[in-house]
C-alpha atoms as a PDB file:
ATOM      1  CA  UNK A   1     109.632  97.563 163.385  1.00  0.00           C
ATOM      2  CA  UNK A   2     110.888  95.092 166.465  1.00  0.00           C
ATOM      3  CA  UNK A   3     112.378  97.104 169.097  1.00  0.00           C
ATOM      4  CA  UNK A   4     115.875  95.198 167.702  1.00  0.00           C
ATOM      5  CA  UNK A   5     114.941  96.508 164.638  1.00  0.00           C
ATOM      6  CA  UNK A   6     114.781 100.116 165.594  1.00  0.00           C
ATOM      7  CA  UNK A   7     117.919  99.963 167.742  1.00  0.00           C
ATOM      8  CA  UNK A   8     119.815  98.335 164.696  1.00  0.00           C
ATOM      9  CA  UNK A   9     118.627 101.001 162.444  1.00  0.00           C
ATOM     10  CA  UNK A  10     119.512 103.819 164.755  1.00  0.00           C
ATOM     11  CA  UNK A  11     123.152 101.979 165.470  1.00  0.00           C
ATOM     12  CA  UNK A  12     123.976 101.148 161.559  1.00  0.00           C
ATOM     13  CA  UNK A  13     124.876 104.471 160.172  1.00  0.00           C
ATOM     14  CA  UNK A  14     127.397 105.185 163.019  1.00  0.00           C
ATOM     15  CA  UNK A  15     129.387 101.904 162.204  1.00  0.00           C
ATOM     16  CA  UNK A  16     128.818 101.994 158.243  1.00  0.00           C
ATOM     17  CA  UNK A  17     130.265 105.198 158.443  1.00  0.00           C
ATOM     18  CA  UNK A  18     133.178 103.791 160.702  1.00  0.00           C
ATOM     19  CA  UNK A  19     133.256 100.351 158.881  1.00  0.00           C
ATOM     20  CA  UNK A  20     133.725 102.331 155.520  1.00  0.00           C
ATOM     21  CA  UNK A  21     135.830 105.099 156.450  1.00  0.00           C
ATOM     22  CA  UNK A  22     133.052 107.703 155.604  1.00  0.00           C
ATOM     23  CA  UNK A  23     132.919 111.501 156.557  1.00  0.00           C
ATOM     24  CA  UNK A  24     130.571 111.746 159.626  1.00  0.00           C
ATOM     25  CA  UNK A  25     128.180 113.486 157.214  1.00  0.00           C
ATOM     26  CA  UNK A  26     127.919 111.091 154.522  1.00  0.00           C
ATOM     27  CA  UNK A  27     124.345 109.848 153.830  1.00  0.00           C
ATOM     28  CA  UNK A  28     123.849 106.010 155.046  1.00  0.00           C
ATOM     29  CA  UNK A  29     119.874 105.828 154.400  1.00  0.00           C
ATOM     30  CA  UNK A  30     118.088 102.189 156.373  1.00  0.00           C
ATOM     31  CA  UNK A  31     114.742 101.410 155.817  1.00  0.00           C
ATOM     32  CA  UNK A  32     112.782  98.733 156.756  1.00  0.00           C
ATOM     33  CA  UNK A  33     112.660  95.420 154.131  1.00  0.00           C
ATOM     34  CA  UNK A  34     109.685  94.748 152.444  1.00  0.00           C
ATOM     35  CA  UNK A  35     107.358  93.342 154.806  1.00  0.00           C
ATOM     36  CA  UNK A  36     105.719  91.008 152.641  1.00  0.00           C
ATOM     37  CA  UNK A  37     109.072  89.385 151.866  1.00  0.00           C
ATOM     38  CA  UNK A  38     110.153  85.860 153.658  1.00  0.00           C
ATOM     39  CA  UNK A  39     113.385  86.553 153.018  1.00  0.00           C
ATOM     40  CA  UNK A  40     114.825  87.079 156.739  1.00  0.00           C
ATOM     41  CA  UNK A  41     116.195  90.209 155.848  1.00  0.00           C
ATOM     42  CA  UNK A  42     115.132  92.878 158.567  1.00  0.00           C
ATOM     43  CA  UNK A  43     116.584  96.007 157.231  1.00  0.00           C
ATOM     44  CA  UNK A  44     118.056  97.562 153.914  1.00  0.00           C
ATOM     45  CA  UNK A  45     120.928 100.087 154.326  1.00  0.00           C
ATOM     46  CA  UNK A  46     122.367 102.488 151.445  1.00  0.00           C
ATOM     47  CA  UNK A  47     125.584 104.072 151.614  1.00  0.00           C
ATOM     48  CA  UNK A  48     128.449 105.229 149.210  1.00  0.00           C
ATOM     49  CA  UNK A  49     127.122 103.285 146.651  1.00  0.00           C
ATOM     50  CA  UNK A  50     126.673 100.228 148.330  1.00  0.00           C
ATOM     51  CA  UNK A  51     123.635  98.308 149.696  1.00  0.00           C
ATOM     52  CA  UNK A  52     123.843  95.852 152.461  1.00  0.00           C
ATOM     53  CA  UNK A  53     120.602  93.302 153.384  1.00  0.00           C
ATOM     54  CA  UNK A  54     120.795  93.228 157.688  1.00  0.00           C
ATOM     55  CA  UNK A  55     118.838  90.176 159.587  1.00  0.00           C
ATOM     56  CA  UNK A  56     118.758  91.258 163.420  1.00  0.00           C
ATOM     57  CA  UNK A  57     118.706  88.684 165.888  1.00  0.00           C
ATOM     58  CA  UNK A  58     118.175  89.435 169.514  1.00  0.00           C
ATOM     59  CA  UNK A  59     120.396  86.928 170.435  1.00  0.00           C
ATOM     60  CA  UNK A  60     124.225  86.262 170.842  1.00  0.00           C
ATOM     61  CA  UNK A  61     124.076  82.747 170.670  1.00  0.00           C
ATOM     62  CA  UNK A  62     126.693  81.330 168.398  1.00  0.00           C
ATOM     63  CA  UNK A  63     124.815  78.645 166.842  1.00  0.00           C
ATOM     64  CA  UNK A  64     121.703  81.132 166.035  1.00  0.00           C
ATOM     65  CA  UNK A  65     124.181  83.059 164.710  1.00  0.00           C
ATOM     66  CA  UNK A  66     125.492  81.044 162.228  1.00  0.00           C
ATOM     67  CA  UNK A  67     122.155  79.322 161.268  1.00  0.00           C
ATOM     68  CA  UNK A  68     121.825  82.977 160.538  1.00  0.00           C
ATOM     69  CA  UNK A  69     124.444  83.259 158.233  1.00  0.00           C
ATOM     70  CA  UNK A  70     124.441  80.509 156.396  1.00  0.00           C
ATOM     71  CA  UNK A  71     120.860  81.304 155.553  1.00  0.00           C
ATOM     72  CA  UNK A  72     120.328  81.392 151.546  1.00  0.00           C
END
């Protein structure tokens, strides 16, 4: 896992709990996506009966983020 992915994985539980208005002790599980996949997905997050697929970008360049968000 790359540095940016490790940092995102460490920060995501707190953010997900806040976004979903979950208790501080609510389980949030973050794991790396399947390394053999070329989907662009870096992390999978499971919380409150939901699954989030996360693509980590090491930039704040709007055009780059728009392309990533439009990726299917």
